[in-house]
Amino acid sequence: MAAAFACIACRVRFSDFNEQRIHHQSEWHRYNLKRNVVQLPPVSQEAFHQLKEIHDKSQEEPSKQNHYCEVCRKQFGNEKAFDQHLQSKRHKQVKSESLTKPEKKVVPNVEKKDVKSNITPPQMTHSQGSDSESESDWTDVDENDEVEGNAIPPTDCLFCPFSSQSIEDNVQHMSNIHSFFIPDVEYLSDLEGLLTYLGEKVGIGYRCLWCGDSGKSFNSVIAAQRHMHDKGHCKVRYEPGESLLEYSDFYDYSTSYPDAVNADKDEEINENEIEENDDWQLVLPSGAVIGHRSLFKYYRQNLKPITENGQRVRKSIVNKIMSNYKALGWTGTTGEAAIQRAKDIKFFHKIRAKHSLKVQQKHNKLLQPHFRSQIGF
């Protein structure tokens, strides 16, 4: 009689349920699951044990390289910590000072200096250099060393070293490989700006896109990417609250407003429907804004407008991304949820404008040589 219990990932059969349960907890099964994700065939149990022995031997061998910085006179336990030190501002500053600093002549205390210069840097023992994947990666680096991070470009993946030719290809790669979907992409107004901000958050801040500032901080881009990949955090936290307001500048929910669909541009304007906004500007029902005369110099600024061609290109890219998302099973945001988010963001912008006005008025009081009452027109 054929066995009723089997493992598809490892292609083995079992006689009872207990053997199958123990197998699912083994390292061999987890290894084959990872190979199955990247579409690789499974390995047998004997081949897995051989690979494990080779890996254990490579981890046990002590590093033969001498990771010693001649400029800073510091010894490091592994190559990763040594590379982090070479990229730090402290090392670059000391190196530049040593190059520009004139050489000193020999003083009478030659013997003491010779003794110090002949001292070889201390070698790391086997017990100190073995834990390369734990605390030794960062404890050897000076606390004052600040590693310069580089922002991830919009054409590079946020979760792996993969680089694309365009932003569209990069978004498609992240959605197909890492299951990364941009929230509310149908209301996205600045795709390049959003990807640039996320790249700075991961590349410079070493932050997880899902955990944010409240989560764990990491020491490198690789550590942050590994965390997002292992924990399934290859996604953006876009929920009501601070996370929703963090990305509000990259979205435009005006098309989800109830009066945006049936609006008539030639409709007569009712003077009673004119909305007053913070005593600084008037918003007409048509959407036109009339500013106060004291802000005339700001309205006269000839800013570079966004051409219609550029808007069409951005819209076409977003439409291609949406079609790719729909092919992968994406459904989008419902109308009620989008309207609620638009109301929350609009309310937040109003509160932020009022707070900014108060701060500006307080700043004016500090700079005025004579008191003048702050009158809001």
Protein backbone atom coordinates (compact mmCIF):
# COMPACT_ATOMS: atom_id res chain seq x y z
CA MET A 1 0.00 0.00 0.00
CA ALA A 2 1.37 3.44 -0.96
CA ALA A 3 2.22 5.86 1.80
CA ALA A 4 -0.48 8.46 2.44
CA PHE A 5 1.89 11.11 3.79
CA ALA A 6 4.39 12.87 1.53
CA CYS A 7 6.42 16.07 1.19
CA ILE A 8 6.13 17.74 -2.21
CA ALA A 9 9.07 20.09 -1.64
CA CYS A 10 11.53 17.29 -0.80
CA ARG A 11 9.78 14.56 -2.89
CA VAL A 12 9.76 11.96 -0.11
CA ARG A 13 7.04 9.79 1.44
CA PHE A 14 6.32 8.83 5.06
CA SER A 15 4.54 5.98 6.74
CA ASP A 16 2.71 8.02 9.39
CA PHE A 17 1.88 11.59 10.37
CA ASN A 18 4.56 11.89 13.10
CA GLU A 19 7.40 11.30 10.65
CA GLN A 20 5.96 13.93 8.33
CA ARG A 21 5.63 16.44 11.18
CA ILE A 22 9.25 15.87 12.30
CA HIS A 23 10.42 16.22 8.69
CA HIS A 24 8.67 19.59 8.31
CA GLN A 25 10.70 20.89 11.28
CA SER A 26 14.06 19.79 9.87
CA GLU A 27 16.66 22.01 8.23
CA TRP A 28 16.63 19.85 5.12
CA HIS A 29 12.93 20.64 4.52
CA ARG A 30 13.45 24.39 5.08
CA TYR A 31 16.39 24.36 2.66
CA ASN A 32 14.32 22.73 -0.07
CA LEU A 33 11.49 25.22 0.53
CA LYS A 34 13.90 28.08 -0.15
CA ARG A 35 15.09 26.35 -3.32
CA ASN A 36 11.50 25.86 -4.39
CA VAL A 37 10.84 29.61 -4.06
CA VAL A 38 13.59 30.41 -6.57
CA GLN A 39 12.41 27.52 -8.80
CA LEU A 40 15.33 25.18 -8.14
CA PRO A 41 14.99 21.40 -7.84
CA PRO A 42 15.22 19.85 -4.36
CA VAL A 43 18.35 18.12 -3.09
CA SER A 44 18.53 14.76 -1.38
CA GLN A 45 19.22 14.35 2.30
CA GLU A 46 22.76 13.06 1.67
CA ALA A 47 23.61 16.02 -0.58
CA PHE A 48 22.20 18.40 2.02
CA HIS A 49 24.43 16.95 4.76
CA GLN A 50 27.48 17.31 2.51
CA LEU A 51 26.67 20.95 1.79
CA LYS A 52 26.14 21.58 5.48
CA GLU A 53 29.52 20.08 6.39
CA ILE A 54 31.28 22.23 3.80
CA HIS A 55 29.51 25.33 5.11
CA ASP A 56 30.37 24.54 8.75
CA LYS A 57 34.04 24.04 7.89
CA SER A 58 34.19 27.36 6.07
CA GLN A 59 32.65 29.09 9.09
CA GLU A 60 35.09 27.47 11.51
CA GLU A 61 38.22 28.52 9.61
CA PRO A 62 39.64 31.74 11.09
CA SER A 63 40.17 34.68 8.83
CA LYS A 64 43.73 34.81 7.54
CA GLN A 65 43.55 38.43 6.50
CA ASN A 66 44.94 41.09 8.76
CA HIS A 67 42.18 43.68 9.08
CA TYR A 68 44.30 46.45 10.56
CA CYS A 69 43.97 50.16 9.76
CA GLU A 70 47.39 51.80 9.64
CA VAL A 71 45.93 55.31 9.66
CA CYS A 72 43.69 54.92 12.72
CA ARG A 73 45.79 52.18 14.38
CA LYS A 74 42.80 49.90 14.95
CA GLN A 75 42.35 46.15 14.62
CA PHE A 76 39.09 44.60 13.35
CA GLY A 77 37.86 41.05 13.72
CA ASN A 78 36.40 40.53 10.26
CA GLU A 79 36.24 42.01 6.79
CA LYS A 80 32.75 43.45 7.18
CA ALA A 81 33.66 45.57 10.20
CA PHE A 82 36.85 46.66 8.47
CA ASP A 83 34.94 47.79 5.36
CA GLN A 84 32.46 49.71 7.51
CA HIS A 85 35.34 51.51 9.17
CA LEU A 86 36.90 52.46 5.82
CA GLN A 87 33.61 54.07 4.76
CA SER A 88 33.23 56.06 8.00
CA LYS A 89 33.71 59.82 8.24
CA ARG A 90 36.17 59.43 11.12
CA HIS A 91 38.55 57.33 9.04
CA LYS A 92 38.37 59.68 6.05
CA GLN A 93 39.00 62.69 8.28
CA VAL A 94 42.03 61.11 9.95
CA LYS A 95 43.38 60.01 6.58
CA SER A 96 43.07 63.51 5.10
CA GLU A 97 44.73 65.04 8.15
CA SER A 98 47.62 62.59 7.94
CA LEU A 99 48.21 63.48 4.28
CA THR A 100 48.14 67.24 4.82
CA LYS A 101 50.04 67.19 8.11
CA PRO A 102 53.82 67.82 7.66
CA GLU A 103 56.18 65.12 8.81
CA LYS A 104 57.87 65.79 12.13
CA LYS A 105 61.59 65.57 12.60
CA VAL A 106 63.14 62.94 14.83
CA VAL A 107 63.25 64.01 18.49
CA PRO A 108 65.65 62.72 21.16
CA ASN A 109 63.14 60.12 22.40
CA VAL A 110 63.78 57.90 19.43
CA GLU A 111 63.93 54.62 21.30
CA LYS A 112 60.43 54.91 22.73
CA LYS A 113 58.93 55.73 19.35
CA ASP A 114 60.81 52.88 17.71
CA VAL A 115 59.47 50.50 20.31
CA LYS A 116 55.90 51.68 19.69
CA SER A 117 56.27 51.53 15.93
CA ASN A 118 57.68 47.98 16.06
CA ILE A 119 54.74 46.68 18.02
CA THR A 120 52.65 44.51 15.73
CA PRO A 121 48.90 44.87 15.90
CA PRO A 122 47.22 42.26 18.11
CA GLN A 123 45.94 39.25 16.24
CA MET A 124 42.38 38.10 16.77
CA THR A 125 42.11 34.66 18.32
CA HIS A 126 39.89 31.94 16.98
CA SER A 127 37.28 32.47 19.70
CA GLN A 128 37.10 36.20 19.03
CA GLY A 129 36.77 36.04 15.26
CA SER A 130 34.40 33.08 14.94
CA ASP A 131 31.17 34.94 15.65
CA SER A 132 31.29 36.86 12.40
CA GLU A 133 27.51 36.93 12.03
CA SER A 134 26.72 38.15 15.55
CA GLU A 135 28.06 41.01 17.66
CA SER A 136 31.63 41.11 16.33
CA ASP A 137 30.44 42.72 13.08
CA TRP A 138 29.78 46.00 14.88
CA THR A 139 31.46 45.99 18.30
CA ASP A 140 34.92 46.53 16.81
CA VAL A 141 33.88 49.75 15.10
CA ASP A 142 34.41 52.96 17.01
CA GLU A 143 31.23 54.56 18.35
CA ASN A 144 32.19 57.89 16.78
CA ASP A 145 32.49 56.33 13.31
CA GLU A 146 29.50 57.33 11.15
CA VAL A 147 29.05 55.29 8.01
CA GLU A 148 27.98 57.30 5.00
CA GLY A 149 24.92 55.70 3.46
CA ASN A 150 23.90 56.15 -0.15
CA ALA A 151 20.30 56.59 -1.22
CA ILE A 152 18.91 53.84 -3.43
CA PRO A 153 18.08 55.29 -6.88
CA PRO A 154 14.51 54.94 -8.20
CA THR A 155 15.76 52.47 -10.83
CA ASP A 156 17.27 50.10 -8.21
CA CYS A 157 15.38 47.55 -6.17
CA LEU A 158 14.67 48.43 -2.54
CA PHE A 159 15.07 44.83 -1.35
CA CYS A 160 17.99 43.42 -3.39
CA PRO A 161 20.98 44.66 -5.45
CA PHE A 162 19.05 44.31 -8.73
CA SER A 163 19.22 47.38 -11.01
CA SER A 164 16.78 48.14 -13.83
CA GLN A 165 16.93 50.32 -16.91
CA SER A 166 13.84 52.35 -15.99
CA ILE A 167 11.51 53.05 -13.09
CA GLU A 168 8.75 51.03 -14.72
CA ASP A 169 10.97 47.94 -14.98
CA ASN A 170 12.09 48.40 -11.38
CA VAL A 171 8.51 48.54 -10.06
CA GLN A 172 7.63 45.47 -12.11
CA HIS A 173 10.64 43.60 -10.70
CA MET A 174 9.73 44.46 -7.10
CA SER A 175 6.11 43.38 -7.61
CA ASN A 176 6.95 40.10 -9.39
CA ILE A 177 9.91 39.02 -7.23
CA HIS A 178 9.27 40.63 -3.83
CA SER A 179 5.45 41.03 -3.97
CA PHE A 180 5.83 44.78 -3.40
CA PHE A 181 2.75 46.80 -4.32
CA ILE A 182 2.51 50.58 -4.15
CA PRO A 183 -0.58 51.44 -2.08
CA ASP A 184 -3.33 53.45 -3.81
CA VAL A 185 -1.32 53.54 -7.03
CA GLU A 186 -4.36 54.88 -8.93
CA TYR A 187 -4.09 58.12 -6.91
CA LEU A 188 -0.29 58.36 -7.08
CA SER A 189 0.90 61.72 -8.45
CA ASP A 190 4.69 61.50 -8.00
CA LEU A 191 6.04 57.99 -8.57
CA GLU A 192 9.69 59.03 -8.88
CA GLY A 193 9.48 61.15 -5.72
CA LEU A 194 7.95 58.29 -3.74
CA LEU A 195 10.63 55.81 -4.85
CA THR A 196 13.36 58.37 -4.11
CA TYR A 197 12.00 58.89 -0.60
CA LEU A 198 11.77 55.15 0.03
CA GLY A 199 15.33 54.75 -1.31
CA GLU A 200 16.61 57.36 1.14
CA LYS A 201 14.72 55.69 3.97
CA VAL A 202 16.35 52.32 3.28
CA GLY A 203 19.73 53.44 1.89
CA ILE A 204 20.50 56.29 4.30
CA GLY A 205 18.27 55.67 7.32
CA TYR A 206 18.66 51.85 7.26
CA ARG A 207 14.96 51.52 8.12
CA CYS A 208 12.35 48.89 7.40
CA LEU A 209 9.51 50.20 5.23
CA TRP A 210 6.92 48.41 7.36
CA CYS A 211 8.37 48.87 10.86
CA GLY A 212 9.32 52.52 10.25
CA ASP A 213 10.92 54.66 12.93
CA SER A 214 9.20 52.73 15.72
CA GLY A 215 10.91 49.49 14.72
CA LYS A 216 14.46 48.22 14.98
CA SER A 217 17.29 50.27 13.50
CA PHE A 218 19.96 48.51 11.43
CA ASN A 219 23.64 49.15 10.78
CA SER A 220 23.69 48.66 7.01
CA VAL A 221 21.50 48.49 3.94
CA ILE A 222 22.06 44.75 3.65
CA ALA A 223 20.82 44.18 7.20
CA ALA A 224 17.67 46.23 6.57
CA GLN A 225 16.99 44.42 3.29
CA ARG A 226 17.57 41.02 4.90
CA HIS A 227 15.12 41.91 7.67
CA MET A 228 12.40 42.98 5.21
CA HIS A 229 12.91 39.82 3.14
CA ASP A 230 12.93 37.41 6.10
CA LYS A 231 10.01 39.00 7.95
CA GLY A 232 7.86 39.53 4.87
CA HIS A 233 8.02 43.32 5.30
CA CYS A 234 8.48 44.12 1.60
CA LYS A 235 5.59 46.54 1.77
CA VAL A 236 4.80 50.12 2.79
CA ARG A 237 2.79 50.83 5.92
CA TYR A 238 0.01 53.05 4.55
CA GLU A 239 -2.63 53.16 7.26
CA PRO A 240 -4.63 55.95 8.96
CA GLY A 241 -2.32 57.87 11.26
CA GLU A 242 1.26 59.06 10.96
CA SER A 243 2.11 56.55 8.23
CA LEU A 244 -0.70 57.90 6.02
CA LEU A 245 0.43 61.49 6.48
CA GLU A 246 4.07 60.58 5.81
CA TYR A 247 3.35 59.85 2.14
CA SER A 248 0.53 62.37 1.61
CA ASP A 249 2.71 64.65 -0.55
CA PHE A 250 3.05 61.94 -3.21
CA TYR A 251 -0.70 61.36 -3.69
CA ASP A 252 -3.60 63.32 -5.13
CA TYR A 253 -7.08 62.22 -4.05
CA SER A 254 -8.90 65.11 -5.73
CA THR A 255 -10.41 62.73 -8.30
CA SER A 256 -12.11 60.79 -5.50
CA TYR A 257 -14.02 63.82 -4.19
CA PRO A 258 -17.82 63.57 -4.59
CA ASP A 259 -17.98 66.80 -6.66
CA ALA A 260 -15.08 65.87 -8.96
CA VAL A 261 -17.07 63.67 -11.37
CA ASN A 262 -20.10 65.85 -12.13
CA ALA A 263 -18.36 69.21 -11.98
CA ASP A 264 -19.38 71.70 -14.67
CA LYS A 265 -16.77 74.28 -15.59
CA ASP A 266 -19.37 76.61 -17.23
CA GLU A 267 -21.72 76.58 -14.24
CA GLU A 268 -22.55 79.99 -12.77
CA ILE A 269 -20.72 80.81 -9.57
CA ASN A 270 -22.83 81.41 -6.51
CA GLU A 271 -21.30 84.04 -4.26
CA ASN A 272 -22.76 82.36 -1.18
CA GLU A 273 -20.81 79.17 -1.94
CA ILE A 274 -17.42 80.88 -1.80
CA GLU A 275 -15.34 79.17 0.88
CA GLU A 276 -13.07 81.21 3.08
CA ASN A 277 -9.77 79.54 3.99
CA ASP A 278 -7.74 80.84 6.95
CA ASP A 279 -8.31 84.54 6.00
CA TRP A 280 -5.45 84.37 3.50
CA GLN A 281 -7.15 83.07 0.39
CA LEU A 282 -10.57 82.38 -1.10
CA VAL A 283 -11.36 79.07 -2.75
CA LEU A 284 -14.08 79.33 -5.40
CA PRO A 285 -16.40 76.41 -6.25
CA SER A 286 -14.58 76.02 -9.56
CA GLY A 287 -11.35 75.32 -7.68
CA ALA A 288 -9.69 78.67 -8.42
CA VAL A 289 -7.84 80.27 -5.52
CA ILE A 290 -7.81 84.03 -4.88
CA GLY A 291 -4.88 85.04 -2.68
CA HIS A 292 -4.44 88.02 -0.40
CA ARG A 293 -2.60 91.05 -1.75
CA SER A 294 0.08 90.80 0.94
CA LEU A 295 1.15 87.53 -0.70
CA PHE A 296 1.34 89.11 -4.15
CA LYS A 297 5.10 88.66 -4.46
CA TYR A 298 4.75 84.93 -3.89
CA TYR A 299 2.01 84.53 -6.48
CA ARG A 300 4.18 86.41 -9.00
CA GLN A 301 6.84 83.72 -8.88
CA ASN A 302 7.36 82.21 -12.31
CA LEU A 303 7.79 78.59 -11.32
CA LYS A 304 8.52 75.98 -13.93
CA PRO A 305 5.17 74.41 -14.84
CA ILE A 306 4.65 70.75 -15.44
CA THR A 307 4.09 70.21 -19.14
CA GLU A 308 1.18 68.19 -20.44
CA ASN A 309 3.62 65.84 -22.12
CA GLY A 310 5.28 65.09 -18.77
CA GLN A 311 1.90 64.46 -17.19
CA ARG A 312 0.99 62.05 -19.97
CA VAL A 313 4.25 60.14 -19.52
CA ARG A 314 3.70 59.84 -15.76
CA LYS A 315 0.10 58.77 -16.27
CA SER A 316 1.09 56.14 -18.83
CA ILE A 317 3.71 54.69 -16.47
CA VAL A 318 1.17 54.51 -13.64
CA ASN A 319 -1.37 52.86 -15.98
CA LYS A 320 1.19 50.22 -16.99
CA ILE A 321 1.97 49.55 -13.33
CA MET A 322 -1.75 49.23 -12.55
CA SER A 323 -2.23 46.75 -15.41
CA ASN A 324 0.68 44.68 -14.10
CA TYR A 325 -0.79 44.78 -10.58
CA LYS A 326 -4.19 43.67 -11.86
CA ALA A 327 -2.56 40.73 -13.64
CA LEU A 328 -1.07 39.68 -10.29
CA GLY A 329 -4.46 39.88 -8.53
CA TRP A 330 -4.47 43.47 -7.28
CA THR A 331 -7.96 44.91 -6.75
CA GLY A 332 -7.25 48.54 -5.81
CA THR A 333 -8.85 50.82 -3.24
CA THR A 334 -12.62 51.08 -2.98
CA GLY A 335 -14.35 54.44 -3.40
CA GLU A 336 -15.39 54.89 0.22
CA ALA A 337 -11.92 54.11 1.54
CA ALA A 338 -10.32 56.53 -0.92
CA ILE A 339 -12.77 59.30 0.02
CA GLN A 340 -12.08 58.75 3.72
CA ARG A 341 -8.32 58.91 3.14
CA ALA A 342 -8.75 62.07 1.08
CA LYS A 343 -10.72 63.68 3.91
CA ASP A 344 -8.07 62.74 6.46
CA ILE A 345 -5.24 64.15 4.34
CA LYS A 346 -7.19 67.34 3.59
CA PHE A 347 -7.87 67.86 7.30
CA PHE A 348 -4.21 67.28 8.09
CA HIS A 349 -3.09 69.86 5.51
CA LYS A 350 -5.46 72.41 7.02
CA ILE A 351 -4.13 71.82 10.54
CA ARG A 352 -0.54 71.99 9.29
CA ALA A 353 -1.21 75.30 7.53
CA LYS A 354 -2.65 76.82 10.70
CA HIS A 355 0.30 75.61 12.76
CA SER A 356 2.75 76.98 10.20
CA LEU A 357 1.03 80.37 10.33
CA LYS A 358 1.34 80.50 14.13
CA VAL A 359 5.03 79.66 13.96
CA GLN A 360 5.61 82.36 11.34
CA GLN A 361 3.84 84.96 13.46
CA LYS A 362 5.96 84.09 16.49
CA HIS A 363 9.07 84.34 14.35
CA ASN A 364 8.02 87.79 13.16
CA LYS A 365 7.75 89.00 16.75
CA LEU A 366 11.35 87.98 17.40
CA LEU A 367 12.65 89.87 14.37
CA GLN A 368 10.61 93.06 14.78
CA PRO A 369 12.54 95.98 16.36
CA HIS A 370 9.21 97.58 17.28
CA PHE A 371 6.04 95.81 18.26
CA ARG A 372 3.36 95.52 15.60
CA SER A 373 0.18 93.56 16.12
CA GLN A 374 -0.14 90.47 13.93
CA ILE A 375 -3.42 91.02 12.12
CA GLY A 376 -4.83 88.23 10.01
CA PHE A 377 -6.49 89.65 6.91
